[in-house]
């Protein structure tokens, strides 16, 4: 039986390398496609009731911009995002 092939769509940083390594450990043949690019716009968001972060990259960009939540309720989608917060 041949190994299944699995596409990996992650940003071209340590996450794609980790994903490829993990898939290899499962005995599959990964195809890495670093098609995602995350770039800061340099803009600071206006005050909002809720600020929802969906990735640790978003958290890192907010920190680099010295963003402060003010009175916003900050939410995280996923454990890695919550840990980054």
C-alpha atoms as a PDB file:
ATOM      1  CA  UNK A   1       0.000   0.000   0.000  1.00  0.00           C
ATOM      2  CA  UNK A   2       1.352   3.445  -0.897  1.00  0.00           C
ATOM      3  CA  UNK A   3       1.515   6.275   1.583  1.00  0.00           C
ATOM      4  CA  UNK A   4      -1.378   8.721   1.420  1.00  0.00           C
ATOM      5  CA  UNK A   5      -0.432  12.218   0.273  1.00  0.00           C
ATOM      6  CA  UNK A   6      -1.557  15.138   2.434  1.00  0.00           C
ATOM      7  CA  UNK A   7      -1.323  18.819   1.524  1.00  0.00           C
ATOM      8  CA  UNK A   8      -0.071  21.206   4.210  1.00  0.00           C
ATOM      9  CA  UNK A   9      -1.214  24.825   3.840  1.00  0.00           C
ATOM     10  CA  UNK A  10       0.564  26.890   6.472  1.00  0.00           C
ATOM     11  CA  UNK A  11       2.585  30.098   6.563  1.00  0.00           C
ATOM     12  CA  UNK A  12       6.205  29.672   5.497  1.00  0.00           C
ATOM     13  CA  UNK A  13       7.710  29.658   8.966  1.00  0.00           C
ATOM     14  CA  UNK A  14       8.344  27.066  11.656  1.00  0.00           C
ATOM     15  CA  UNK A  15       4.680  25.987  11.539  1.00  0.00           C
ATOM     16  CA  UNK A  16       4.921  24.451   8.083  1.00  0.00           C
ATOM     17  CA  UNK A  17       8.099  22.586   9.047  1.00  0.00           C
ATOM     18  CA  UNK A  18       6.429  21.267  12.208  1.00  0.00           C
ATOM     19  CA  UNK A  19       3.351  20.195  10.262  1.00  0.00           C
ATOM     20  CA  UNK A  20       5.466  18.338   7.698  1.00  0.00           C
ATOM     21  CA  UNK A  21       7.410  16.597  10.466  1.00  0.00           C
ATOM     22  CA  UNK A  22       4.201  15.615  12.242  1.00  0.00           C
ATOM     23  CA  UNK A  23       2.628  14.210   9.071  1.00  0.00           C
ATOM     24  CA  UNK A  24       5.767  12.200   8.319  1.00  0.00           C
ATOM     25  CA  UNK A  25       5.570  10.742  11.842  1.00  0.00           C
ATOM     26  CA  UNK A  26       2.077   9.518  10.940  1.00  0.00           C
ATOM     27  CA  UNK A  27       3.439   7.698   7.908  1.00  0.00           C
ATOM     28  CA  UNK A  28       1.987   9.959   5.227  1.00  0.00           C
ATOM     29  CA  UNK A  29       3.676  11.827   2.402  1.00  0.00           C
ATOM     30  CA  UNK A  30       3.271  15.584   3.039  1.00  0.00           C
ATOM     31  CA  UNK A  31       3.144  18.131   0.250  1.00  0.00           C
ATOM     32  CA  UNK A  32       4.047  21.509   1.736  1.00  0.00           C
ATOM     33  CA  UNK A  33       2.453  24.554   0.139  1.00  0.00           C
ATOM     34  CA  UNK A  34       3.342  27.730   2.031  1.00  0.00           C
ATOM     35  CA  UNK A  35       0.619  29.646   0.234  1.00  0.00           C
ATOM     36  CA  UNK A  36      -0.363  31.744   3.234  1.00  0.00           C
ATOM     37  CA  UNK A  37       1.311  35.045   3.974  1.00  0.00           C
ATOM     38  CA  UNK A  38       0.462  37.199   6.944  1.00  0.00           C
ATOM     39  CA  UNK A  39       1.475  40.847   6.801  1.00  0.00           C
ATOM     40  CA  UNK A  40       0.703  43.637   9.182  1.00  0.00           C
ATOM     41  CA  UNK A  41      -1.118  46.630   7.741  1.00  0.00           C
ATOM     42  CA  UNK A  42       0.342  48.853  10.441  1.00  0.00           C
ATOM     43  CA  UNK A  43      -3.168  50.049  11.284  1.00  0.00           C
ATOM     44  CA  UNK A  44      -4.438  50.009  14.842  1.00  0.00           C
ATOM     45  CA  UNK A  45      -8.028  48.826  15.236  1.00  0.00           C
ATOM     46  CA  UNK A  46     -10.582  51.153  16.729  1.00  0.00           C
ATOM     47  CA  UNK A  47     -12.152  50.324  20.065  1.00  0.00           C
ATOM     48  CA  UNK A  48     -14.566  47.410  19.884  1.00  0.00           C
ATOM     49  CA  UNK A  49     -16.757  45.583  22.368  1.00  0.00           C
ATOM     50  CA  UNK A  50     -15.072  42.266  21.478  1.00  0.00           C
ATOM     51  CA  UNK A  51     -11.678  41.477  19.942  1.00  0.00           C
ATOM     52  CA  UNK A  52     -11.492  37.924  18.647  1.00  0.00           C
ATOM     53  CA  UNK A  53      -8.097  36.475  17.802  1.00  0.00           C
ATOM     54  CA  UNK A  54      -8.109  33.429  15.538  1.00  0.00           C
ATOM     55  CA  UNK A  55      -4.370  32.717  15.455  1.00  0.00           C
ATOM     56  CA  UNK A  56      -1.207  33.235  17.429  1.00  0.00           C
ATOM     57  CA  UNK A  57       0.098  35.202  14.449  1.00  0.00           C
ATOM     58  CA  UNK A  58      -2.651  37.765  15.006  1.00  0.00           C
ATOM     59  CA  UNK A  59      -1.691  37.967  18.668  1.00  0.00           C
ATOM     60  CA  UNK A  60       1.977  38.473  17.736  1.00  0.00           C
ATOM     61  CA  UNK A  61       1.120  41.243  15.267  1.00  0.00           C
ATOM     62  CA  UNK A  62      -1.074  42.989  17.845  1.00  0.00           C
ATOM     63  CA  UNK A  63       1.759  42.815  20.377  1.00  0.00           C
ATOM     64  CA  UNK A  64       4.263  44.183  17.845  1.00  0.00           C
ATOM     65  CA  UNK A  65       1.910  47.124  17.244  1.00  0.00           C
ATOM     66  CA  UNK A  66       1.647  47.625  21.042  1.00  0.00           C
ATOM     67  CA  UNK A  67      -2.124  47.141  20.794  1.00  0.00           C
ATOM     68  CA  UNK A  68      -4.031  47.425  24.068  1.00  0.00           C
ATOM     69  CA  UNK A  69      -7.537  46.002  24.485  1.00  0.00           C
ATOM     70  CA  UNK A  70      -8.894  48.978  26.420  1.00  0.00           C
ATOM     71  CA  UNK A  71     -12.347  47.914  27.657  1.00  0.00           C
ATOM     72  CA  UNK A  72     -12.770  45.224  24.980  1.00  0.00           C
ATOM     73  CA  UNK A  73     -13.481  41.624  25.861  1.00  0.00           C
ATOM     74  CA  UNK A  74     -10.629  39.627  24.333  1.00  0.00           C
ATOM     75  CA  UNK A  75     -11.453  36.167  22.953  1.00  0.00           C
ATOM     76  CA  UNK A  76      -9.264  33.435  21.504  1.00  0.00           C
ATOM     77  CA  UNK A  77     -10.194  30.700  19.054  1.00  0.00           C
ATOM     78  CA  UNK A  78      -8.138  27.637  19.960  1.00  0.00           C
ATOM     79  CA  UNK A  79      -5.721  26.701  22.715  1.00  0.00           C
ATOM     80  CA  UNK A  80      -2.574  27.888  20.901  1.00  0.00           C
ATOM     81  CA  UNK A  81      -4.125  31.306  20.331  1.00  0.00           C
ATOM     82  CA  UNK A  82      -5.210  31.487  23.966  1.00  0.00           C
ATOM     83  CA  UNK A  83      -1.705  30.542  25.105  1.00  0.00           C
ATOM     84  CA  UNK A  84      -0.218  33.264  22.884  1.00  0.00           C
ATOM     85  CA  UNK A  85      -2.550  35.807  24.487  1.00  0.00           C
END
